Amino acid sequence: MPIFVVQEHHATHLHWDLRLSMSGVLKSWAVPKQPPLKKGIKRLAVQVSDHALSYAKFQGTIPKGMYGAGKVKIWDKGTYEFVDKKKNKLIVNFKGKKLKGEYVLLLFRPPKGWLFFKK
């Protein structure tokens, strides 16, 4: 079963990095506010570059002067499965400690602007 991780990233601005293992990489979105735990809350999720699968375990400090400098900690992790997968809409069933149940990633401002919310 594929894995996901959400990393709390204290960089220039606090944000959360949502990462889904797909096609041998971690597809990644930067979420400026804490991921929603209840229905009715929508979050912006900006798609960013893919990361290596090994990055799913990273916690620590990215040194000053490097891209993404700041503290990173794992906020949530677990497995997931697709309920539906289209080019502009992903419905994902998360099995984590915090993210549980069906969530939607909906492309609303191509190419990188997505909405992330609990179904």
C-alpha atoms as a PDB file:
ATOM      1  CA  MET A   1       0.000   0.000   0.000  1.00  0.00           C
ATOM      2  CA  PRO A   2       1.359   3.470  -0.848  1.00  0.00           C
ATOM      3  CA  ILE A   3       2.501   5.797   1.929  1.00  0.00           C
ATOM      4  CA  PHE A   4       1.909   9.445   2.727  1.00  0.00           C
ATOM      5  CA  VAL A   5       3.616  11.888   5.033  1.00  0.00           C
ATOM      6  CA  VAL A   6       2.784  15.409   6.177  1.00  0.00           C
ATOM      7  CA  GLN A   7       5.814  17.369   7.323  1.00  0.00           C
ATOM      8  CA  GLU A   8       5.436  20.522   9.398  1.00  0.00           C
ATOM      9  CA  HIS A   9       8.004  22.870   7.901  1.00  0.00           C
ATOM     10  CA  HIS A  10       9.196  25.943   9.799  1.00  0.00           C
ATOM     11  CA  ALA A  11      10.851  27.707   6.847  1.00  0.00           C
ATOM     12  CA  THR A  12      10.481  31.382   5.848  1.00  0.00           C
ATOM     13  CA  HIS A  13       6.780  30.812   6.496  1.00  0.00           C
ATOM     14  CA  LEU A  14       5.308  27.937   8.512  1.00  0.00           C
ATOM     15  CA  HIS A  15       3.573  25.482   6.193  1.00  0.00           C
ATOM     16  CA  TRP A  16       2.822  21.768   5.905  1.00  0.00           C
ATOM     17  CA  ASP A  17       4.188  19.572   3.109  1.00  0.00           C
ATOM     18  CA  LEU A  18       1.751  16.893   1.979  1.00  0.00           C
ATOM     19  CA  ARG A  19       3.567  14.071   0.202  1.00  0.00           C
ATOM     20  CA  LEU A  20       2.051  11.008  -1.509  1.00  0.00           C
ATOM     21  CA  SER A  21       4.146   8.135  -2.827  1.00  0.00           C
ATOM     22  CA  MET A  22       3.279   7.764  -6.514  1.00  0.00           C
ATOM     23  CA  SER A  23       5.248   6.406  -9.477  1.00  0.00           C
ATOM     24  CA  GLY A  24       8.438   5.973  -7.458  1.00  0.00           C
ATOM     25  CA  VAL A  25       8.538   9.521  -6.018  1.00  0.00           C
ATOM     26  CA  LEU A  26       6.770  11.638  -3.408  1.00  0.00           C
ATOM     27  CA  LYS A  27       4.295  13.903  -5.182  1.00  0.00           C
ATOM     28  CA  SER A  28       4.292  17.021  -3.045  1.00  0.00           C
ATOM     29  CA  TRP A  29       2.085  19.977  -2.138  1.00  0.00           C
ATOM     30  CA  ALA A  30       2.851  22.888   0.190  1.00  0.00           C
ATOM     31  CA  VAL A  31      -0.177  23.656   2.376  1.00  0.00           C
ATOM     32  CA  PRO A  32       0.100  27.144   3.999  1.00  0.00           C
ATOM     33  CA  LYS A  33      -2.285  26.324   6.875  1.00  0.00           C
ATOM     34  CA  GLN A  34      -2.627  23.179   8.971  1.00  0.00           C
ATOM     35  CA  PRO A  35      -4.317  20.389   6.978  1.00  0.00           C
ATOM     36  CA  PRO A  36      -8.045  20.118   7.697  1.00  0.00           C
ATOM     37  CA  LEU A  37      -9.135  17.537  10.235  1.00  0.00           C
ATOM     38  CA  LYS A  38     -12.883  18.189   9.823  1.00  0.00           C
ATOM     39  CA  LYS A  39     -15.280  18.568   6.912  1.00  0.00           C
ATOM     40  CA  GLY A  40     -16.027  22.093   5.747  1.00  0.00           C
ATOM     41  CA  ILE A  41     -12.451  23.423   5.876  1.00  0.00           C
ATOM     42  CA  LYS A  42     -10.715  23.995   2.541  1.00  0.00           C
ATOM     43  CA  ARG A  43      -6.994  24.593   2.270  1.00  0.00           C
ATOM     44  CA  LEU A  44      -4.855  25.843  -0.568  1.00  0.00           C
ATOM     45  CA  ALA A  45      -2.281  23.235  -1.634  1.00  0.00           C
ATOM     46  CA  VAL A  46       0.420  24.399  -4.040  1.00  0.00           C
ATOM     47  CA  GLN A  47       2.031  21.580  -5.987  1.00  0.00           C
ATOM     48  CA  VAL A  48       5.812  21.670  -5.660  1.00  0.00           C
ATOM     49  CA  SER A  49       8.609  19.530  -7.065  1.00  0.00           C
ATOM     50  CA  ASP A  50       8.634  15.777  -6.483  1.00  0.00           C
ATOM     51  CA  HIS A  51      10.877  14.457  -3.711  1.00  0.00           C
ATOM     52  CA  ALA A  52      12.722  11.161  -3.355  1.00  0.00           C
ATOM     53  CA  LEU A  53      10.844   8.448  -1.453  1.00  0.00           C
ATOM     54  CA  SER A  54      13.565   8.489   1.227  1.00  0.00           C
ATOM     55  CA  TYR A  55      12.492  12.039   2.153  1.00  0.00           C
ATOM     56  CA  ALA A  56       9.341  10.603   3.773  1.00  0.00           C
ATOM     57  CA  LYS A  57      11.399   9.834   6.890  1.00  0.00           C
ATOM     58  CA  PHE A  58      13.187  13.184   7.106  1.00  0.00           C
ATOM     59  CA  GLN A  59      12.975  15.198  10.300  1.00  0.00           C
ATOM     60  CA  GLY A  60      15.561  17.749  11.307  1.00  0.00           C
ATOM     61  CA  THR A  61      16.940  21.120  10.327  1.00  0.00           C
ATOM     62  CA  ILE A  62      17.732  22.194   6.783  1.00  0.00           C
ATOM     63  CA  PRO A  63      20.736  24.542   7.155  1.00  0.00           C
ATOM     64  CA  LYS A  64      20.544  28.286   6.442  1.00  0.00           C
ATOM     65  CA  GLY A  65      21.423  29.102   2.862  1.00  0.00           C
ATOM     66  CA  MET A  66      19.880  25.895   1.526  1.00  0.00           C
ATOM     67  CA  TYR A  67      16.499  25.687  -0.210  1.00  0.00           C
ATOM     68  CA  GLY A  68      13.758  25.195   2.401  1.00  0.00           C
ATOM     69  CA  ALA A  69      16.025  26.151   5.315  1.00  0.00           C
ATOM     70  CA  GLY A  70      14.369  25.593   8.674  1.00  0.00           C
ATOM     71  CA  LYS A  71      13.039  22.883  10.971  1.00  0.00           C
ATOM     72  CA  VAL A  72      11.056  19.948   9.607  1.00  0.00           C
ATOM     73  CA  LYS A  73       9.100  17.466  11.705  1.00  0.00           C
ATOM     74  CA  ILE A  74       6.690  14.717  10.763  1.00  0.00           C
ATOM     75  CA  TRP A  75       3.165  15.911  11.584  1.00  0.00           C
ATOM     76  CA  ASP A  76       1.412  12.763  10.323  1.00  0.00           C
ATOM     77  CA  LYS A  77       2.165   9.660   8.283  1.00  0.00           C
ATOM     78  CA  GLY A  78       0.532   6.446   7.235  1.00  0.00           C
ATOM     79  CA  THR A  79      -0.825   4.679   4.198  1.00  0.00           C
ATOM     80  CA  TYR A  80      -3.427   5.690   1.665  1.00  0.00           C
ATOM     81  CA  GLU A  81      -5.380   4.383  -1.260  1.00  0.00           C
ATOM     82  CA  PHE A  82      -7.010   6.138  -4.162  1.00  0.00           C
ATOM     83  CA  VAL A  83     -10.798   6.172  -4.229  1.00  0.00           C
ATOM     84  CA  ASP A  84     -10.638   8.038  -7.566  1.00  0.00           C
ATOM     85  CA  LYS A  85      -7.723   9.398  -9.572  1.00  0.00           C
ATOM     86  CA  LYS A  86      -8.090  11.870 -12.407  1.00  0.00           C
ATOM     87  CA  LYS A  87      -5.678  14.414 -13.820  1.00  0.00           C
ATOM     88  CA  ASN A  88      -7.361  17.305 -11.999  1.00  0.00           C
ATOM     89  CA  LYS A  89      -8.961  15.516  -9.018  1.00  0.00           C
ATOM     90  CA  LEU A  90      -7.612  12.973  -6.558  1.00  0.00           C
ATOM     91  CA  ILE A  91      -9.822  11.367  -3.927  1.00  0.00           C
ATOM     92  CA  VAL A  92      -7.672   9.701  -1.300  1.00  0.00           C
ATOM     93  CA  ASN A  93      -8.533   7.526   1.696  1.00  0.00           C
ATOM     94  CA  PHE A  94      -5.898   8.329   4.335  1.00  0.00           C
ATOM     95  CA  LYS A  95      -5.023   5.937   7.138  1.00  0.00           C
ATOM     96  CA  GLY A  96      -2.900   8.081   9.426  1.00  0.00           C
ATOM     97  CA  LYS A  97      -3.014   9.188  13.052  1.00  0.00           C
ATOM     98  CA  LYS A  98      -4.461  12.625  12.186  1.00  0.00           C
ATOM     99  CA  LEU A  99      -5.594  12.354   8.573  1.00  0.00           C
ATOM    100  CA  LYS A 100      -8.258   9.660   8.491  1.00  0.00           C
ATOM    101  CA  GLY A 101     -10.881   9.032   5.851  1.00  0.00           C
ATOM    102  CA  GLU A 102     -11.515  10.488   2.431  1.00  0.00           C
ATOM    103  CA  TYR A 103      -9.873  13.703   1.287  1.00  0.00           C
ATOM    104  CA  VAL A 104      -9.975  15.520  -2.025  1.00  0.00           C
ATOM    105  CA  LEU A 105      -7.194  17.278  -3.912  1.00  0.00           C
ATOM    106  CA  LEU A 106      -8.870  19.373  -6.617  1.00  0.00           C
ATOM    107  CA  LEU A 107      -6.954  21.335  -9.244  1.00  0.00           C
ATOM    108  CA  PHE A 108      -8.703  24.711  -9.405  1.00  0.00           C
ATOM    109  CA  ARG A 109      -5.952  27.061 -10.543  1.00  0.00           C
ATOM    110  CA  PRO A 110      -3.731  25.207 -13.040  1.00  0.00           C
ATOM    111  CA  PRO A 111      -1.021  24.236 -13.147  1.00  0.00           C
ATOM    112  CA  LYS A 112      -0.144  24.213  -9.414  1.00  0.00           C
ATOM    113  CA  GLY A 113      -3.098  25.551  -7.407  1.00  0.00           C
ATOM    114  CA  TRP A 114      -5.100  22.808  -5.691  1.00  0.00           C
ATOM    115  CA  LEU A 115      -7.762  22.737  -2.981  1.00  0.00           C
ATOM    116  CA  PHE A 116      -7.334  20.171  -0.210  1.00  0.00           C
ATOM    117  CA  PHE A 117     -10.315  19.220   1.945  1.00  0.00           C
ATOM    118  CA  LYS A 118     -11.950  16.381   3.853  1.00  0.00           C
ATOM    119  CA  LYS A 119     -14.838  14.761   2.012  1.00  0.00           C
END
